[in-house]
Amino acid sequence: MSLRLSCAWISILLILPGLSHGGKLLVVPMVGSHWLSMQEVVEKLSQRGHEVVVLVPEVSWQMETTQAYKVVTYPVRQTLEELDNAFRECIDVHLTEKPFPLNTLAMYKASVHAFNIFFGQCKDLFRSQETLRFLNQSGFDAILTDPIFMCGTILAHHLSLPFVFFMRGFPCNLHFSASQSPSPLSYIPRLFSFNSDRMTFFQRVENTLISLLELDYCNGYYAEALELSSEVLQRDVSLTDLVSPAAIWILRFDFVFEYVRPVMPNMVFVGGINCAKEKPLPKVIIDFVFEYPMPVMPNMVFIGGIHCGEKKKTLSQLVVVPMDESHWLSLCLLLVALSQKGYQIVTVAPEVNSSVEVSAHYTLKRQVAVEELLSHGSIWLERADFGVEYSMPVMPNIVFIEGMNCGKKKPLSQCHDIKLVKDSDRFP
């Protein structure tokens, strides 16, 4: 659905100007993982009859080519090792623990440094006169770009072409402010404020202060891009001047997971479009290694080690300390499934109980002290649903599985011969 929606909006932009069968689209993607989502849209547009040309640097990440579209490369001075080192340094700073505000300043400085390294490829594009000559003579109808590095945006202004954004968002709320979307500070929390849409007075004051700093944050982050755009366009431009003329904003997130807010009619939400090529999960995903405890939201499930191929750990023996009666009925289904997959289950229960029964799927032992077992629990499977609970931070090894006890549902019994009794009859 998201893929068809993206292609429909871009097709309208390409077809309407000339009323032709198809248009000619120039794609300026961002390297790396951002391209993996955009590639699905590009291939679908090519299948619909549009002529698609993808402009990429000679040195890039994850930029695999296919016969579905034409690829044009331009020379750059950076090596792949330089790009890797810049990205690795940025990640290392984000994972280093420092007190506030040293951690924020260090992350900001590292992000700016990484941006400047990657943006050097955009500078090389405008140094390549041969590439610019080809782009000017090709007669493109529009540009599709991920604006996080601003290169495609600057090129669209240089070629005087309408452009479409395919993005997740700017860190400084620019995707809403530049598109003139209303953004009331009273119930629209700013990034990094960690507030909800229901704020106290002091949280609203904090939200306002953050909003005042957002533009300065982005101006410093995009200083190199603003300098290049002024040089290329021969005039002074601001970030708002660069991004506000976007014809369509295709936002790669889902409004269901965002706070309610007004948006402009040319903003299209396509959350989940990067899941077009889904891959089956490995059979064993119980390898969990947590570096340090941290609070997360209840809808976040950690499956560490899933990317490690065949080098996964498997469980050989599992000790279960259940609660008696109805709680056991849900847990029993899980134990049977694990036993069928080859795990040896040892259930610790009191000799006198009402529900825990001996089974061929698990071994039953006497009750022991459970305090130490509980405090060192590796995974907590909570029979609750975050959708109907109050928002609260939870540990990353807590997984919500509400509805599991509905596996063996029984029909409701029918009530017969129910008579209404009046109060006058009950109390004469």
Protein backbone atom coordinates (compact mmCIF):
# COMPACT_ATOMS: atom_id res chain seq x y z
CA MET A 1 0.00 0.00 0.00
CA SER A 2 2.76 2.45 0.94
CA LEU A 3 4.72 1.62 -2.21
CA ARG A 4 1.70 2.18 -4.47
CA LEU A 5 0.91 5.46 -2.71
CA SER A 6 4.43 6.79 -3.24
CA CYS A 7 4.47 5.84 -6.90
CA ALA A 8 1.04 7.36 -7.46
CA TRP A 9 2.04 10.79 -6.15
CA ILE A 10 5.31 10.85 -8.11
CA SER A 11 3.54 9.65 -11.28
CA ILE A 12 1.04 12.50 -11.00
CA LEU A 13 3.88 15.00 -10.79
CA LEU A 14 5.62 13.49 -13.82
CA ILE A 15 2.59 13.01 -16.07
CA LEU A 16 0.61 16.22 -15.53
CA PRO A 17 3.10 18.75 -17.02
CA GLY A 18 3.26 17.10 -20.46
CA LEU A 19 0.19 14.84 -20.33
CA SER A 20 2.42 12.10 -21.71
CA HIS A 21 2.57 8.40 -21.05
CA GLY A 22 5.56 8.69 -18.75
CA GLY A 23 8.03 11.20 -17.40
CA LYS A 24 11.77 11.46 -17.00
CA LEU A 25 12.89 11.34 -13.39
CA LEU A 26 16.31 12.08 -11.91
CA VAL A 27 16.95 10.30 -8.60
CA VAL A 28 19.56 11.68 -6.18
CA PRO A 29 19.58 9.23 -3.25
CA MET A 30 21.47 9.16 0.00
CA VAL A 31 23.98 6.35 0.22
CA GLY A 32 23.65 3.52 2.69
CA SER A 33 20.49 2.21 4.28
CA HIS A 34 18.37 5.14 3.07
CA TRP A 35 18.73 3.85 -0.49
CA LEU A 36 17.32 0.44 0.40
CA SER A 37 13.88 1.99 0.97
CA MET A 38 13.98 4.34 -2.02
CA GLN A 39 15.11 1.58 -4.40
CA GLU A 40 11.70 -0.11 -4.20
CA VAL A 41 9.98 3.08 -5.36
CA VAL A 42 12.50 3.66 -8.15
CA GLU A 43 12.07 0.16 -9.56
CA LYS A 44 8.27 0.43 -9.44
CA LEU A 45 8.32 3.80 -11.24
CA SER A 46 10.49 2.27 -13.97
CA GLN A 47 8.02 -0.59 -14.37
CA ARG A 48 5.22 1.95 -14.85
CA GLY A 49 6.91 3.41 -17.91
CA HIS A 50 8.87 6.32 -16.48
CA GLU A 51 12.45 6.86 -17.55
CA VAL A 52 14.51 6.82 -14.36
CA VAL A 53 18.13 7.93 -14.02
CA VAL A 54 19.90 7.41 -10.68
CA LEU A 55 22.83 9.72 -9.94
CA VAL A 56 25.38 8.17 -7.55
CA PRO A 57 29.01 8.82 -6.62
CA GLU A 58 31.66 6.38 -7.78
CA VAL A 59 32.37 5.49 -4.13
CA SER A 60 29.23 4.68 -2.14
CA TRP A 61 27.49 2.21 0.18
CA GLN A 62 24.78 -0.29 -0.70
CA MET A 63 24.24 1.22 -4.17
CA GLU A 64 23.51 -1.97 -6.07
CA THR A 65 22.38 -1.44 -9.65
CA THR A 66 19.81 -3.28 -11.74
CA GLN A 67 18.58 -3.15 -15.32
CA ALA A 68 15.35 -1.45 -14.20
CA TYR A 69 16.93 2.01 -14.33
CA LYS A 70 19.95 3.84 -15.70
CA VAL A 71 22.81 4.71 -13.36
CA VAL A 72 25.05 7.73 -13.88
CA THR A 73 28.17 8.06 -11.72
CA TYR A 74 30.37 11.05 -11.05
CA PRO A 75 33.96 11.11 -9.74
CA VAL A 76 34.67 11.81 -6.06
CA ARG A 77 37.85 12.23 -4.07
CA GLN A 78 36.80 10.30 -0.96
CA THR A 79 37.70 6.67 -0.54
CA LEU A 80 35.43 4.02 0.94
CA GLU A 81 37.80 3.74 3.91
CA GLU A 82 37.36 7.45 4.68
CA LEU A 83 33.59 7.09 4.65
CA ASP A 84 33.76 4.03 6.89
CA ASN A 85 36.04 5.76 9.38
CA ALA A 86 33.85 8.87 9.56
CA PHE A 87 30.75 6.81 10.19
CA ARG A 88 32.51 4.58 12.73
CA GLU A 89 33.83 7.58 14.67
CA CYS A 90 30.34 9.05 14.82
CA ILE A 91 28.89 5.79 16.15
CA ASP A 92 31.66 5.45 18.74
CA VAL A 93 30.91 8.90 20.13
CA HIS A 94 27.20 8.09 20.39
CA LEU A 95 27.99 4.92 22.36
CA THR A 96 30.44 6.64 24.74
CA GLU A 97 28.96 7.58 28.11
CA LYS A 98 29.54 11.19 29.14
CA PRO A 99 27.70 13.50 31.53
CA PHE A 100 25.26 16.08 30.23
CA PRO A 101 25.89 18.41 28.39
CA LEU A 102 29.26 16.98 27.32
CA ASN A 103 27.54 14.01 25.68
CA THR A 104 25.23 16.24 23.62
CA LEU A 105 28.06 18.49 22.48
CA ALA A 106 30.25 15.52 21.57
CA MET A 107 27.47 13.85 19.55
CA TYR A 108 26.67 17.09 17.75
CA LYS A 109 30.33 17.69 16.88
CA ALA A 110 30.78 14.11 15.64
CA SER A 111 27.60 14.30 13.54
CA VAL A 112 28.74 17.55 11.91
CA HIS A 113 32.13 16.02 11.13
CA ALA A 114 30.53 12.95 9.53
CA PHE A 115 28.17 15.15 7.51
CA ASN A 116 31.05 17.24 6.18
CA ILE A 117 32.93 14.12 5.07
CA PHE A 118 29.95 12.75 3.16
CA PHE A 119 28.94 16.16 1.83
CA GLY A 120 32.34 16.37 0.17
CA GLN A 121 30.87 14.06 -2.49
CA CYS A 122 28.25 16.71 -3.28
CA LYS A 123 30.98 19.30 -3.73
CA ASP A 124 32.70 16.92 -6.16
CA LEU A 125 29.44 16.67 -8.12
CA PHE A 126 29.39 20.41 -8.81
CA ARG A 127 33.08 20.28 -9.72
CA SER A 128 32.33 17.72 -12.44
CA GLN A 129 31.42 19.92 -15.41
CA GLU A 130 30.84 16.88 -17.59
CA THR A 131 28.20 15.52 -15.22
CA LEU A 132 26.46 18.89 -14.88
CA ARG A 133 26.43 19.28 -18.67
CA PHE A 134 24.76 15.88 -19.03
CA LEU A 135 22.13 16.72 -16.43
CA ASN A 136 21.32 20.07 -18.07
CA GLN A 137 20.91 18.50 -21.51
CA SER A 138 18.86 15.48 -20.40
CA GLY A 139 15.56 17.34 -19.99
CA PHE A 140 14.38 15.82 -16.72
CA ASP A 141 10.84 16.51 -15.53
CA ALA A 142 11.46 16.20 -11.77
CA ILE A 143 13.94 15.10 -9.10
CA LEU A 144 13.37 12.50 -6.40
CA THR A 145 15.82 12.87 -3.52
CA ASP A 146 16.50 12.15 0.13
CA PRO A 147 17.30 15.64 1.49
CA ILE A 148 19.23 14.65 4.59
CA PHE A 149 22.50 15.66 2.82
CA MET A 150 20.83 18.46 0.77
CA CYS A 151 22.75 17.56 -2.40
CA GLY A 152 19.66 16.67 -4.43
CA THR A 153 17.89 19.78 -3.15
CA ILE A 154 20.71 22.09 -4.27
CA LEU A 155 20.85 20.32 -7.64
CA ALA A 156 17.08 20.76 -8.11
CA HIS A 157 17.42 24.52 -7.57
CA HIS A 158 20.39 24.61 -9.92
CA LEU A 159 18.45 22.81 -12.69
CA SER A 160 15.19 24.67 -11.89
CA LEU A 161 13.24 21.41 -11.55
CA PRO A 162 10.39 20.44 -9.22
CA PHE A 163 11.53 17.98 -6.57
CA VAL A 164 10.01 15.30 -4.35
CA PHE A 165 11.38 14.45 -0.91
CA PHE A 166 11.58 10.82 0.21
CA MET A 167 12.73 10.98 3.80
CA ARG A 168 12.34 10.09 7.47
CA GLY A 169 12.60 13.66 8.72
CA PHE A 170 15.00 16.38 9.76
CA PRO A 171 16.35 16.40 13.34
CA CYS A 172 15.26 20.03 13.86
CA ASN A 173 11.60 19.74 12.82
CA LEU A 174 12.45 21.39 9.49
CA HIS A 175 10.19 19.02 7.54
CA PHE A 176 7.19 20.55 9.31
CA SER A 177 8.29 24.17 9.68
CA ALA A 178 9.52 24.53 6.09
CA SER A 179 6.30 23.04 4.71
CA GLN A 180 4.34 25.54 6.87
CA SER A 181 2.58 22.80 8.81
CA PRO A 182 1.05 24.12 12.04
CA SER A 183 3.17 23.00 14.98
CA PRO A 184 1.56 24.14 18.27
CA LEU A 185 4.10 24.02 21.05
CA SER A 186 1.36 23.23 23.56
CA TYR A 187 0.88 19.65 22.36
CA ILE A 188 3.56 18.95 19.69
CA PRO A 189 6.65 17.70 21.59
CA ARG A 190 10.00 18.58 20.09
CA LEU A 191 12.67 16.01 19.34
CA PHE A 192 14.92 15.13 22.29
CA SER A 193 12.44 16.68 24.76
CA PHE A 194 11.07 13.19 25.61
CA ASN A 195 7.71 14.79 26.38
CA SER A 196 4.32 13.47 25.36
CA ASP A 197 1.51 15.43 23.73
CA ARG A 198 0.14 16.16 27.22
CA MET A 199 2.62 18.46 28.89
CA THR A 200 2.70 20.40 32.12
CA PHE A 201 3.40 24.13 32.13
CA PHE A 202 7.12 23.66 32.72
CA GLN A 203 7.32 20.99 30.01
CA ARG A 204 5.74 23.46 27.59
CA VAL A 205 8.33 26.05 28.57
CA GLU A 206 11.03 23.44 27.89
CA ASN A 207 9.38 22.62 24.57
CA THR A 208 9.44 26.29 23.60
CA LEU A 209 13.12 26.69 24.46
CA ILE A 210 14.03 23.66 22.38
CA SER A 211 12.07 25.01 19.41
CA LEU A 212 14.02 28.29 19.61
CA LEU A 213 17.30 26.38 19.38
CA GLU A 214 16.27 24.09 16.52
CA LEU A 215 17.07 26.48 13.68
CA ASP A 216 20.51 27.33 15.11
CA TYR A 217 21.17 23.61 15.49
CA CYS A 218 20.37 22.94 11.83
CA ASN A 219 22.20 26.02 10.56
CA GLY A 220 25.37 24.78 12.22
CA TYR A 221 24.81 21.22 11.01
CA TYR A 222 24.19 22.30 7.40
CA ALA A 223 26.79 25.10 7.31
CA GLU A 224 28.74 23.44 4.48
CA ALA A 225 25.52 22.88 2.48
CA LEU A 226 24.44 26.51 2.89
CA GLU A 227 27.86 27.71 1.77
CA LEU A 228 27.79 25.50 -1.34
CA SER A 229 24.20 26.46 -2.23
CA SER A 230 25.06 30.16 -2.04
CA GLU A 231 28.05 29.56 -4.29
CA VAL A 232 26.10 27.50 -6.83
CA LEU A 233 22.94 29.63 -6.91
CA GLN A 234 24.82 32.93 -6.68
CA ARG A 235 22.58 34.25 -3.91
CA ASP A 236 22.16 33.94 -0.17
CA VAL A 237 19.75 31.16 0.79
CA SER A 238 18.49 29.73 4.04
CA LEU A 239 17.50 26.17 4.89
CA THR A 240 13.85 27.12 4.58
CA ASP A 241 14.51 28.57 1.11
CA LEU A 242 16.10 25.29 0.05
CA VAL A 243 13.49 22.80 1.23
CA SER A 244 10.18 24.71 1.33
CA PRO A 245 9.53 24.54 -2.47
CA ALA A 246 9.30 20.73 -2.35
CA ALA A 247 6.30 19.62 -4.41
CA ILE A 248 5.62 16.42 -2.42
CA TRP A 249 6.89 15.26 0.95
CA ILE A 250 6.93 11.45 1.14
CA LEU A 251 7.58 10.73 4.82
CA ARG A 252 8.95 7.31 5.66
CA PHE A 253 7.15 6.87 8.98
CA ASP A 254 3.68 5.98 10.17
CA PHE A 255 1.35 8.54 11.70
CA VAL A 256 0.00 5.77 13.96
CA PHE A 257 3.26 5.81 15.93
CA GLU A 258 3.50 9.61 16.03
CA TYR A 259 1.64 12.14 18.12
CA VAL A 260 -1.45 13.62 16.50
CA ARG A 261 -0.60 16.83 14.64
CA PRO A 262 -1.81 18.83 11.61
CA VAL A 263 0.07 18.26 8.34
CA MET A 264 -0.04 19.80 4.87
CA PRO A 265 -1.95 18.07 2.02
CA ASN A 266 1.25 17.38 0.03
CA MET A 267 2.71 15.28 2.85
CA VAL A 268 2.27 11.53 2.33
CA PHE A 269 2.98 8.95 5.06
CA VAL A 270 4.42 5.67 3.79
CA GLY A 271 5.58 3.96 6.98
CA GLY A 272 6.69 0.37 6.41
CA ILE A 273 7.75 0.87 2.81
CA ASN A 274 11.24 -0.32 3.74
CA CYS A 275 9.73 -3.70 4.63
CA ALA A 276 8.87 -4.51 1.01
CA LYS A 277 11.54 -7.23 0.81
CA GLU A 278 10.88 -9.11 3.98
CA LYS A 279 13.09 -12.03 4.97
CA PRO A 280 12.09 -14.91 7.28
CA LEU A 281 13.51 -14.76 10.78
CA PRO A 282 15.96 -17.48 11.82
CA LYS A 283 14.49 -20.38 13.78
CA VAL A 284 16.49 -19.53 16.88
CA ILE A 285 16.30 -15.93 18.12
CA ILE A 286 16.79 -16.53 21.83
CA ASP A 287 20.41 -15.32 21.83
CA PHE A 288 20.29 -12.22 24.01
CA VAL A 289 23.25 -10.18 25.23
CA PHE A 290 22.52 -6.85 26.92
CA GLU A 291 25.48 -4.52 27.36
CA TYR A 292 23.78 -2.44 30.07
CA PRO A 293 20.19 -2.01 31.34
CA MET A 294 18.22 0.84 29.85
CA PRO A 295 14.52 1.80 29.87
CA VAL A 296 12.66 1.35 26.58
CA MET A 297 9.05 1.57 25.47
CA PRO A 298 6.86 -1.55 25.69
CA ASN A 299 6.54 -1.96 21.91
CA MET A 300 10.31 -2.48 21.50
CA VAL A 301 11.43 -6.12 21.36
CA PHE A 302 15.14 -6.98 21.42
CA ILE A 303 16.36 -9.98 19.40
CA GLY A 304 20.12 -9.55 19.60
CA GLY A 305 22.21 -12.01 17.63
CA ILE A 306 19.62 -12.44 14.90
CA HIS A 307 22.15 -11.19 12.34
CA CYS A 308 24.87 -13.66 13.34
CA GLY A 309 23.95 -16.40 10.86
CA GLU A 310 24.69 -19.87 12.14
CA LYS A 311 26.74 -18.62 15.09
CA LYS A 312 23.73 -18.59 17.42
CA LYS A 313 23.41 -20.07 20.86
CA THR A 314 20.67 -22.55 21.59
CA LEU A 315 19.08 -23.39 24.90
CA SER A 316 19.50 -26.94 26.19
CA GLN A 317 17.69 -26.74 29.55
CA LEU A 318 15.13 -24.27 30.87
CA VAL A 319 13.96 -23.93 34.48
CA VAL A 320 10.36 -22.74 34.88
CA VAL A 321 8.90 -21.38 38.12
CA PRO A 322 5.19 -20.88 37.36
CA MET A 323 2.35 -19.40 39.32
CA ASP A 324 -0.48 -21.79 40.10
CA GLU A 325 -4.07 -21.80 38.82
CA SER A 326 -5.10 -19.71 35.76
CA HIS A 327 -1.63 -18.23 35.25
CA TRP A 328 -0.28 -21.70 34.58
CA LEU A 329 -2.78 -22.34 31.78
CA SER A 330 -1.16 -19.70 29.55
CA LEU A 331 2.41 -20.66 30.38
CA CYS A 332 1.75 -24.36 29.76
CA LEU A 333 1.11 -23.75 26.05
CA LEU A 334 4.49 -22.06 25.69
CA LEU A 335 6.31 -24.88 27.48
CA VAL A 336 4.76 -27.51 25.24
CA ALA A 337 5.86 -25.56 22.15
CA LEU A 338 9.42 -25.20 23.46
CA SER A 339 9.54 -28.89 24.35
CA GLN A 340 8.49 -29.81 20.81
CA LYS A 341 11.42 -27.75 19.50
CA GLY A 342 13.88 -29.84 21.50
CA TYR A 343 14.35 -27.89 24.73
CA GLN A 344 14.46 -29.72 28.05
CA ILE A 345 11.95 -28.10 30.42
CA VAL A 346 12.19 -28.42 34.22
CA THR A 347 9.15 -27.01 36.04
CA VAL A 348 9.45 -26.19 39.75
CA ALA A 349 6.09 -26.36 41.54
CA PRO A 350 4.73 -27.23 45.00
CA GLU A 351 3.66 -30.80 45.66
CA VAL A 352 0.16 -29.56 46.43
CA ASN A 353 -1.28 -27.36 43.68
CA SER A 354 -4.50 -26.98 41.72
CA SER A 355 -3.40 -26.71 38.08
CA VAL A 356 0.20 -27.79 37.45
CA GLU A 357 0.09 -31.36 36.18
CA VAL A 358 2.76 -33.87 35.20
CA SER A 359 3.35 -33.98 31.45
CA ALA A 360 5.62 -35.76 29.00
CA HIS A 361 6.77 -32.36 27.74
CA TYR A 362 8.45 -31.22 30.95
CA THR A 363 9.91 -32.48 34.22
CA LEU A 364 8.16 -31.54 37.46
CA LYS A 365 10.16 -30.83 40.65
CA ARG A 366 9.36 -29.58 44.15
CA GLN A 367 9.05 -25.91 45.06
CA VAL A 368 12.24 -23.99 45.90
CA ALA A 369 12.97 -20.36 46.82
CA VAL A 370 12.35 -18.12 43.83
CA GLU A 371 13.78 -14.74 44.90
CA GLU A 372 17.16 -15.31 43.28
CA LEU A 373 15.59 -16.80 40.16
CA LEU A 374 13.32 -13.78 39.71
CA SER A 375 16.07 -11.21 40.21
CA HIS A 376 18.19 -12.82 37.50
CA GLY A 377 15.39 -13.43 35.00
CA SER A 378 16.82 -13.23 31.47
CA ILE A 379 13.50 -12.68 29.65
CA TRP A 380 10.18 -11.55 31.13
CA LEU A 381 7.16 -12.55 29.03
CA GLU A 382 4.37 -10.25 30.25
CA ARG A 383 0.79 -11.30 29.57
CA ALA A 384 -0.24 -7.67 29.10
CA ASP A 385 -0.75 -5.35 26.15
CA PHE A 386 1.05 -2.00 25.98
CA GLY A 387 -1.94 -0.68 24.00
CA VAL A 388 -4.20 -0.79 27.04
CA GLU A 389 -1.60 -0.02 29.71
CA TYR A 390 -0.29 3.33 30.86
CA SER A 391 2.93 4.43 29.13
CA MET A 392 5.91 3.51 31.23
CA PRO A 393 9.58 2.62 30.68
CA VAL A 394 10.40 -1.08 30.78
CA MET A 395 13.57 -3.10 30.57
CA PRO A 396 14.68 -4.42 27.16
CA ASN A 397 14.22 -8.06 28.22
CA ILE A 398 10.49 -7.56 28.87
CA VAL A 399 8.28 -8.82 26.02
CA PHE A 400 4.51 -8.24 25.92
CA ILE A 401 2.45 -11.20 24.62
CA GLU A 402 -1.13 -10.22 25.47
CA GLY A 403 -3.75 -12.53 23.97
CA MET A 404 -1.63 -15.67 24.21
CA ASN A 405 -4.04 -17.18 26.71
CA CYS A 406 -6.79 -16.91 24.11
CA GLY A 407 -5.29 -19.75 22.09
CA LYS A 408 -7.79 -22.29 23.36
CA LYS A 409 -10.90 -20.15 23.42
CA LYS A 410 -14.23 -21.65 24.36
CA PRO A 411 -17.68 -20.39 23.33
CA LEU A 412 -19.62 -18.48 25.94
CA SER A 413 -22.28 -20.47 27.71
CA GLN A 414 -25.88 -19.56 26.95
CA CYS A 415 -28.07 -18.43 29.81
CA HIS A 416 -31.61 -19.78 29.86
CA ASP A 417 -34.67 -19.10 32.00
CA ILE A 418 -33.42 -15.76 33.33
CA LYS A 419 -36.27 -13.88 34.97
CA LEU A 420 -36.27 -10.23 35.91
CA VAL A 421 -37.15 -9.62 39.56
CA LYS A 422 -38.65 -6.32 40.54
CA ASP A 423 -37.53 -4.58 43.69
CA SER A 424 -41.14 -4.68 44.94
CA ASP A 425 -41.15 -8.46 44.63
CA ARG A 426 -37.75 -8.79 46.29
CA PHE A 427 -38.53 -6.49 49.18
CA PRO A 428 -42.25 -6.74 49.95
